[in-house]
Amino acid sequence: MEILVTSLKWFASGSGMIAAAMVSLDLGRKVTGWGFVLFLASSIAWIAGSVLTKDFALGTQNIVLFGINLFGVYRYLIRKKPNG
């Protein structure tokens, strides 16, 4: 169980850092959108790790971040680019 939790935490941490870089570099809507997809994966890993370790504050935070990141995916990958 410890190996699973450690693996989830490292994946969540690494994918979150890569996603933050992708979003902050502003390389276009598609790259930013995929950054949000990676943020979703990071949030899922953090939620899973928090359930396994009973760290409900971390889990709650990442449930909220999951929703925010889902909106980012919609905004950059699904919704058509607004005119103007």
C-alpha atoms as a PDB file:
ATOM      1  CA  MET A   1       0.000   0.000   0.000  1.00  0.00           C
ATOM      2  CA  GLU A   2       2.846   2.387   0.805  1.00  0.00           C
ATOM      3  CA  ILE A   3       4.344   1.917  -2.660  1.00  0.00           C
ATOM      4  CA  LEU A   4       0.979   2.717  -4.268  1.00  0.00           C
ATOM      5  CA  VAL A   5       0.527   5.882  -2.193  1.00  0.00           C
ATOM      6  CA  THR A   6       4.086   7.025  -2.883  1.00  0.00           C
ATOM      7  CA  SER A   7       3.666   6.370  -6.617  1.00  0.00           C
ATOM      8  CA  LEU A   8       0.374   8.307  -6.697  1.00  0.00           C
ATOM      9  CA  LYS A   9       1.941  11.247  -4.871  1.00  0.00           C
ATOM     10  CA  TRP A  10       4.955  11.400  -7.196  1.00  0.00           C
ATOM     11  CA  PHE A  11       2.766  11.126 -10.298  1.00  0.00           C
ATOM     12  CA  ALA A  12       0.412  13.812  -8.961  1.00  0.00           C
ATOM     13  CA  SER A  13       3.282  16.109  -8.089  1.00  0.00           C
ATOM     14  CA  GLY A  14       5.170  15.655 -11.360  1.00  0.00           C
ATOM     15  CA  SER A  15       2.121  15.911 -13.585  1.00  0.00           C
ATOM     16  CA  GLY A  16       0.959  19.009 -11.700  1.00  0.00           C
ATOM     17  CA  MET A  17       4.310  20.721 -12.263  1.00  0.00           C
ATOM     18  CA  ILE A  18       4.338  19.845 -15.974  1.00  0.00           C
ATOM     19  CA  ALA A  19       0.724  21.016 -16.345  1.00  0.00           C
ATOM     20  CA  ALA A  20       1.519  24.313 -14.618  1.00  0.00           C
ATOM     21  CA  ALA A  21       4.416  24.873 -17.028  1.00  0.00           C
ATOM     22  CA  MET A  22       2.214  24.064 -20.037  1.00  0.00           C
ATOM     23  CA  VAL A  23      -0.460  26.522 -18.933  1.00  0.00           C
ATOM     24  CA  SER A  24       1.950  29.287 -17.928  1.00  0.00           C
ATOM     25  CA  LEU A  25       3.972  29.146 -21.167  1.00  0.00           C
ATOM     26  CA  ASP A  26       0.885  30.249 -23.119  1.00  0.00           C
ATOM     27  CA  LEU A  27       1.838  28.304 -26.248  1.00  0.00           C
ATOM     28  CA  GLY A  28      -1.709  28.382 -27.596  1.00  0.00           C
ATOM     29  CA  ARG A  29      -5.168  27.104 -26.775  1.00  0.00           C
ATOM     30  CA  LYS A  30      -4.402  23.470 -27.588  1.00  0.00           C
ATOM     31  CA  VAL A  31      -1.296  23.220 -25.387  1.00  0.00           C
ATOM     32  CA  THR A  32      -3.064  25.079 -22.583  1.00  0.00           C
ATOM     33  CA  GLY A  33      -6.057  22.756 -22.911  1.00  0.00           C
ATOM     34  CA  TRP A  34      -3.850  19.677 -22.686  1.00  0.00           C
ATOM     35  CA  GLY A  35      -2.204  21.240 -19.653  1.00  0.00           C
ATOM     36  CA  PHE A  36      -5.637  21.281 -18.026  1.00  0.00           C
ATOM     37  CA  VAL A  37      -6.128  17.620 -19.000  1.00  0.00           C
ATOM     38  CA  LEU A  38      -2.871  16.849 -17.210  1.00  0.00           C
ATOM     39  CA  PHE A  39      -4.085  18.879 -14.216  1.00  0.00           C
ATOM     40  CA  LEU A  40      -7.177  16.622 -14.188  1.00  0.00           C
ATOM     41  CA  ALA A  41      -4.967  13.531 -14.034  1.00  0.00           C
ATOM     42  CA  SER A  42      -2.962  15.136 -11.232  1.00  0.00           C
ATOM     43  CA  SER A  43      -6.143  15.914  -9.277  1.00  0.00           C
ATOM     44  CA  ILE A  44      -7.389  12.345  -9.682  1.00  0.00           C
ATOM     45  CA  ALA A  45      -4.090  10.996  -8.374  1.00  0.00           C
ATOM     46  CA  TRP A  46      -4.155  13.404  -5.402  1.00  0.00           C
ATOM     47  CA  ILE A  47      -7.758  12.424  -4.633  1.00  0.00           C
ATOM     48  CA  ALA A  48      -6.898   8.724  -4.765  1.00  0.00           C
ATOM     49  CA  GLY A  49      -3.859   9.258  -2.540  1.00  0.00           C
ATOM     50  CA  SER A  50      -5.865  11.320  -0.088  1.00  0.00           C
ATOM     51  CA  VAL A  51      -8.528   8.613   0.190  1.00  0.00           C
ATOM     52  CA  LEU A  52      -5.882   5.960   0.856  1.00  0.00           C
ATOM     53  CA  THR A  53      -4.197   8.083   3.521  1.00  0.00           C
ATOM     54  CA  LYS A  54      -7.438   9.574   4.891  1.00  0.00           C
ATOM     55  CA  ASP A  55      -6.168  13.102   4.220  1.00  0.00           C
ATOM     56  CA  PHE A  56      -9.549  14.662   3.615  1.00  0.00           C
ATOM     57  CA  ALA A  57      -8.325  18.262   3.444  1.00  0.00           C
ATOM     58  CA  LEU A  58      -6.109  17.361   0.476  1.00  0.00           C
ATOM     59  CA  GLY A  59      -8.948  15.378  -1.087  1.00  0.00           C
ATOM     60  CA  THR A  60     -11.423  18.234  -0.708  1.00  0.00           C
ATOM     61  CA  GLN A  61      -8.963  20.699  -2.224  1.00  0.00           C
ATOM     62  CA  ASN A  62      -8.413  18.477  -5.243  1.00  0.00           C
ATOM     63  CA  ILE A  63     -12.104  17.818  -5.774  1.00  0.00           C
ATOM     64  CA  VAL A  64     -12.525  21.595  -6.124  1.00  0.00           C
ATOM     65  CA  LEU A  65      -9.423  21.846  -8.348  1.00  0.00           C
ATOM     66  CA  PHE A  66     -10.787  18.988 -10.470  1.00  0.00           C
ATOM     67  CA  GLY A  67     -13.892  21.078 -11.164  1.00  0.00           C
ATOM     68  CA  ILE A  68     -11.815  24.154 -12.010  1.00  0.00           C
ATOM     69  CA  ASN A  69      -9.563  22.117 -14.302  1.00  0.00           C
ATOM     70  CA  LEU A  70     -12.587  20.532 -15.974  1.00  0.00           C
ATOM     71  CA  PHE A  71     -13.767  24.046 -16.808  1.00  0.00           C
ATOM     72  CA  GLY A  72     -10.282  24.746 -18.241  1.00  0.00           C
ATOM     73  CA  VAL A  73     -10.555  21.685 -20.488  1.00  0.00           C
ATOM     74  CA  TYR A  74     -13.980  22.856 -21.658  1.00  0.00           C
ATOM     75  CA  ARG A  75     -12.756  26.413 -22.208  1.00  0.00           C
ATOM     76  CA  TYR A  76      -9.605  25.553 -24.173  1.00  0.00           C
ATOM     77  CA  LEU A  77     -10.385  22.247 -25.901  1.00  0.00           C
ATOM     78  CA  ILE A  78     -14.158  21.984 -26.299  1.00  0.00           C
ATOM     79  CA  ARG A  79     -15.633  25.494 -26.582  1.00  0.00           C
ATOM     80  CA  LYS A  80     -15.039  27.355 -29.795  1.00  0.00           C
ATOM     81  CA  LYS A  81     -12.668  30.308 -29.522  1.00  0.00           C
ATOM     82  CA  PRO A  82     -14.664  33.447 -28.744  1.00  0.00           C
ATOM     83  CA  ASN A  83     -14.599  36.190 -31.363  1.00  0.00           C
ATOM     84  CA  GLY A  84     -12.974  39.464 -30.486  1.00  0.00           C
END
